[in-house]
C-alpha atoms as a PDB file:
ATOM      1  CA  UNK A   1       1.722 104.141 134.351  1.00  0.00           C
ATOM      2  CA  UNK A   2       1.516 107.324 132.296  1.00  0.00           C
ATOM      3  CA  UNK A   3       4.405 109.749 132.661  1.00  0.00           C
ATOM      4  CA  UNK A   4       5.242 112.976 130.914  1.00  0.00           C
ATOM      5  CA  UNK A   5       8.437 113.890 129.151  1.00  0.00           C
ATOM      6  CA  UNK A   6      11.643 113.188 131.014  1.00  0.00           C
ATOM      7  CA  UNK A   7      14.440 115.778 130.947  1.00  0.00           C
ATOM      8  CA  UNK A   8      16.153 113.712 128.209  1.00  0.00           C
ATOM      9  CA  UNK A   9      13.039 113.934 126.044  1.00  0.00           C
ATOM     10  CA  UNK A  10      12.748 117.711 126.349  1.00  0.00           C
ATOM     11  CA  UNK A  11      14.579 120.397 124.400  1.00  0.00           C
ATOM     12  CA  UNK A  12      14.822 124.164 124.572  1.00  0.00           C
ATOM     13  CA  UNK A  13      12.031 125.580 122.436  1.00  0.00           C
ATOM     14  CA  UNK A  14       9.458 122.867 123.245  1.00  0.00           C
ATOM     15  CA  UNK A  15       6.034 124.515 123.638  1.00  0.00           C
ATOM     16  CA  UNK A  16       2.543 123.638 124.808  1.00  0.00           C
ATOM     17  CA  UNK A  17      -0.684 125.561 125.271  1.00  0.00           C
ATOM     18  CA  UNK A  18      -4.106 125.314 126.858  1.00  0.00           C
ATOM     19  CA  UNK A  19      -7.110 127.547 126.153  1.00  0.00           C
ATOM     20  CA  UNK A  20     -10.324 128.084 128.089  1.00  0.00           C
ATOM     21  CA  UNK A  21     -13.164 130.588 128.024  1.00  0.00           C
ATOM     22  CA  UNK A  22     -13.636 131.945 131.549  1.00  0.00           C
ATOM     23  CA  UNK A  23     -17.222 131.710 132.764  1.00  0.00           C
ATOM     24  CA  UNK A  24     -19.044 133.240 135.696  1.00  0.00           C
ATOM     25  CA  UNK A  25     -19.308 129.714 137.115  1.00  0.00           C
ATOM     26  CA  UNK A  26     -15.510 129.327 136.954  1.00  0.00           C
ATOM     27  CA  UNK A  27     -15.108 132.495 139.037  1.00  0.00           C
ATOM     28  CA  UNK A  28     -17.657 131.405 141.657  1.00  0.00           C
ATOM     29  CA  UNK A  29     -16.157 127.917 141.884  1.00  0.00           C
ATOM     30  CA  UNK A  30     -12.636 129.331 142.237  1.00  0.00           C
ATOM     31  CA  UNK A  31     -13.856 131.670 144.998  1.00  0.00           C
ATOM     32  CA  UNK A  32     -15.460 128.756 146.815  1.00  0.00           C
ATOM     33  CA  UNK A  33     -12.404 126.534 146.516  1.00  0.00           C
ATOM     34  CA  UNK A  34      -9.893 129.193 147.582  1.00  0.00           C
ATOM     35  CA  UNK A  35     -12.024 131.248 149.969  1.00  0.00           C
ATOM     36  CA  UNK A  36     -11.246 134.443 148.011  1.00  0.00           C
ATOM     37  CA  UNK A  37     -14.617 136.174 148.054  1.00  0.00           C
ATOM     38  CA  UNK A  38     -13.270 139.610 147.093  1.00  0.00           C
ATOM     39  CA  UNK A  39     -16.290 141.535 145.763  1.00  0.00           C
ATOM     40  CA  UNK A  40     -14.186 142.686 142.794  1.00  0.00           C
ATOM     41  CA  UNK A  41     -14.721 139.134 141.504  1.00  0.00           C
ATOM     42  CA  UNK A  42     -18.258 138.414 142.672  1.00  0.00           C
ATOM     43  CA  UNK A  43     -20.317 141.581 143.089  1.00  0.00           C
ATOM     44  CA  UNK A  44     -21.106 143.605 139.951  1.00  0.00           C
ATOM     45  CA  UNK A  45     -22.564 146.544 141.919  1.00  0.00           C
ATOM     46  CA  UNK A  46     -19.320 146.806 143.888  1.00  0.00           C
ATOM     47  CA  UNK A  47     -17.094 146.164 140.857  1.00  0.00           C
ATOM     48  CA  UNK A  48     -18.647 148.958 138.752  1.00  0.00           C
ATOM     49  CA  UNK A  49     -17.012 151.476 141.095  1.00  0.00           C
ATOM     50  CA  UNK A  50     -13.548 149.890 140.817  1.00  0.00           C
ATOM     51  CA  UNK A  51     -10.692 150.673 138.444  1.00  0.00           C
ATOM     52  CA  UNK A  52     -11.901 147.905 136.079  1.00  0.00           C
ATOM     53  CA  UNK A  53     -15.603 149.005 136.085  1.00  0.00           C
ATOM     54  CA  UNK A  54     -16.818 145.374 136.103  1.00  0.00           C
ATOM     55  CA  UNK A  55     -16.064 142.065 137.760  1.00  0.00           C
ATOM     56  CA  UNK A  56     -12.749 140.435 136.911  1.00  0.00           C
ATOM     57  CA  UNK A  57     -11.487 136.887 137.327  1.00  0.00           C
ATOM     58  CA  UNK A  58      -9.027 136.031 140.075  1.00  0.00           C
ATOM     59  CA  UNK A  59      -5.464 136.357 138.790  1.00  0.00           C
ATOM     60  CA  UNK A  60      -4.605 132.937 140.139  1.00  0.00           C
ATOM     61  CA  UNK A  61      -7.359 131.387 138.014  1.00  0.00           C
ATOM     62  CA  UNK A  62      -5.324 132.249 134.919  1.00  0.00           C
ATOM     63  CA  UNK A  63      -2.171 131.058 136.663  1.00  0.00           C
ATOM     64  CA  UNK A  64      -3.939 127.742 137.193  1.00  0.00           C
ATOM     65  CA  UNK A  65      -4.093 127.291 133.432  1.00  0.00           C
ATOM     66  CA  UNK A  66      -0.282 127.207 133.426  1.00  0.00           C
ATOM     67  CA  UNK A  67      -0.433 124.451 136.033  1.00  0.00           C
ATOM     68  CA  UNK A  68      -2.690 122.525 133.650  1.00  0.00           C
ATOM     69  CA  UNK A  69      -0.014 122.647 130.947  1.00  0.00           C
ATOM     70  CA  UNK A  70       2.835 121.633 133.249  1.00  0.00           C
ATOM     71  CA  UNK A  71       0.900 118.761 134.812  1.00  0.00           C
ATOM     72  CA  UNK A  72      -0.684 117.338 131.675  1.00  0.00           C
ATOM     73  CA  UNK A  73       1.463 118.301 128.666  1.00  0.00           C
ATOM     74  CA  UNK A  74       4.915 119.781 129.242  1.00  0.00           C
ATOM     75  CA  UNK A  75       6.545 118.007 130.954  1.00  0.00           C
ATOM     76  CA  UNK A  76       3.228 116.296 131.847  1.00  0.00           C
ATOM     77  CA  UNK A  77       2.158 113.624 134.336  1.00  0.00           C
ATOM     78  CA  UNK A  78       4.679 113.085 137.123  1.00  0.00           C
ATOM     79  CA  UNK A  79       6.224 116.569 136.857  1.00  0.00           C
ATOM     80  CA  UNK A  80       6.797 118.471 140.095  1.00  0.00           C
ATOM     81  CA  UNK A  81       5.983 122.186 139.943  1.00  0.00           C
ATOM     82  CA  UNK A  82       8.726 123.844 142.026  1.00  0.00           C
ATOM     83  CA  UNK A  83       8.461 127.587 141.457  1.00  0.00           C
ATOM     84  CA  UNK A  84       6.451 130.203 139.599  1.00  0.00           C
ATOM     85  CA  UNK A  85       7.065 133.916 139.130  1.00  0.00           C
ATOM     86  CA  UNK A  86       4.053 135.894 137.905  1.00  0.00           C
ATOM     87  CA  UNK A  87       3.214 139.384 136.725  1.00  0.00           C
ATOM     88  CA  UNK A  88      -0.479 140.157 136.261  1.00  0.00           C
ATOM     89  CA  UNK A  89      -0.593 142.623 133.372  1.00  0.00           C
ATOM     90  CA  UNK A  90      -4.257 142.970 132.398  1.00  0.00           C
ATOM     91  CA  UNK A  91      -7.651 141.930 133.774  1.00  0.00           C
ATOM     92  CA  UNK A  92      -9.512 138.797 132.723  1.00  0.00           C
ATOM     93  CA  UNK A  93     -13.247 139.301 132.239  1.00  0.00           C
ATOM     94  CA  UNK A  94     -16.116 136.843 132.125  1.00  0.00           C
ATOM     95  CA  UNK A  95     -16.276 135.545 128.561  1.00  0.00           C
ATOM     96  CA  UNK A  96     -12.585 136.072 127.798  1.00  0.00           C
ATOM     97  CA  UNK A  97     -10.840 133.131 126.169  1.00  0.00           C
ATOM     98  CA  UNK A  98      -7.467 132.750 127.833  1.00  0.00           C
ATOM     99  CA  UNK A  99      -4.651 130.848 126.150  1.00  0.00           C
ATOM    100  CA  UNK A 100      -1.884 129.760 128.480  1.00  0.00           C
ATOM    101  CA  UNK A 101       1.481 128.924 126.948  1.00  0.00           C
ATOM    102  CA  UNK A 102       4.672 127.395 128.284  1.00  0.00           C
ATOM    103  CA  UNK A 103       7.991 127.216 126.471  1.00  0.00           C
ATOM    104  CA  UNK A 104      11.167 125.515 127.631  1.00  0.00           C
ATOM    105  CA  UNK A 105      13.926 128.116 127.880  1.00  0.00           C
ATOM    106  CA  UNK A 106      16.561 126.191 129.861  1.00  0.00           C
ATOM    107  CA  UNK A 107      17.317 122.592 130.822  1.00  0.00           C
ATOM    108  CA  UNK A 108      19.586 121.537 133.668  1.00  0.00           C
ATOM    109  CA  UNK A 109      20.165 117.841 133.020  1.00  0.00           C
ATOM    110  CA  UNK A 110      22.340 117.307 136.134  1.00  0.00           C
ATOM    111  CA  UNK A 111      19.692 118.691 138.513  1.00  0.00           C
ATOM    112  CA  UNK A 112      16.689 117.439 136.499  1.00  0.00           C
ATOM    113  CA  UNK A 113      15.185 120.914 136.226  1.00  0.00           C
ATOM    114  CA  UNK A 114      13.460 122.738 133.381  1.00  0.00           C
ATOM    115  CA  UNK A 115      12.824 126.481 133.274  1.00  0.00           C
ATOM    116  CA  UNK A 116       9.842 127.592 131.190  1.00  0.00           C
ATOM    117  CA  UNK A 117       8.554 130.970 130.020  1.00  0.00           C
ATOM    118  CA  UNK A 118       4.869 131.139 130.921  1.00  0.00           C
ATOM    119  CA  UNK A 119       2.263 133.507 129.489  1.00  0.00           C
ATOM    120  CA  UNK A 120      -1.487 133.887 129.261  1.00  0.00           C
ATOM    121  CA  UNK A 121      -3.122 135.947 126.536  1.00  0.00           C
ATOM    122  CA  UNK A 122      -6.753 136.796 125.859  1.00  0.00           C
ATOM    123  CA  UNK A 123      -8.703 136.495 122.608  1.00  0.00           C
ATOM    124  CA  UNK A 124      -7.369 139.898 121.511  1.00  0.00           C
ATOM    125  CA  UNK A 125      -3.779 138.661 121.994  1.00  0.00           C
ATOM    126  CA  UNK A 126      -3.322 140.922 125.042  1.00  0.00           C
ATOM    127  CA  UNK A 127      -0.862 139.410 127.524  1.00  0.00           C
ATOM    128  CA  UNK A 128      -2.726 139.162 130.823  1.00  0.00           C
ATOM    129  CA  UNK A 129      -0.064 137.204 132.706  1.00  0.00           C
ATOM    130  CA  UNK A 130       3.671 136.792 132.189  1.00  0.00           C
ATOM    131  CA  UNK A 131       6.090 134.704 134.172  1.00  0.00           C
ATOM    132  CA  UNK A 132       8.535 131.884 134.532  1.00  0.00           C
ATOM    133  CA  UNK A 133       8.190 128.395 135.984  1.00  0.00           C
ATOM    134  CA  UNK A 134      10.687 125.886 137.334  1.00  0.00           C
ATOM    135  CA  UNK A 135       9.735 122.223 137.166  1.00  0.00           C
ATOM    136  CA  UNK A 136      11.269 118.857 137.900  1.00  0.00           C
ATOM    137  CA  UNK A 137      10.332 116.536 135.021  1.00  0.00           C
ATOM    138  CA  UNK A 138       9.377 112.956 135.855  1.00  0.00           C
ATOM    139  CA  UNK A 139      12.057 110.291 135.961  1.00  0.00           C
ATOM    140  CA  UNK A 140      11.912 107.408 133.527  1.00  0.00           C
ATOM    141  CA  UNK A 141      10.287 104.326 135.083  1.00  0.00           C
ATOM    142  CA  UNK A 142      12.700 101.696 136.343  1.00  0.00           C
ATOM    143  CA  UNK A 143      12.865  98.664 134.109  1.00  0.00           C
END
């Protein structure tokens, strides 16, 4: 069985990242999966009259990239994602390359909890999402 880092294997300052270029297909698939068919995401004629002047990706699509880090890298497989605070700071456009990052800022060994700073930036290093996650790292397998 593959498991991620246990609380004893983690330290404050540990970091991980995941990058992806957002495509039109990603936006349509996310809309279909979530049911969020807001025309700001899907209809260019509608979106040109909005604040952003073009379609933008769903904010939670970028937030999902943080989930990818927590579930596959830090802590990784077996981690339980308990809480996420998010601030959406800038739009994500089709073709933007978003880099999600997570950094351990606090460990609570007794409660088996890790607090991580979470951010997403675009290819121009503009922070599009800022937040904080709370996770329960996996337990070591019983021997």
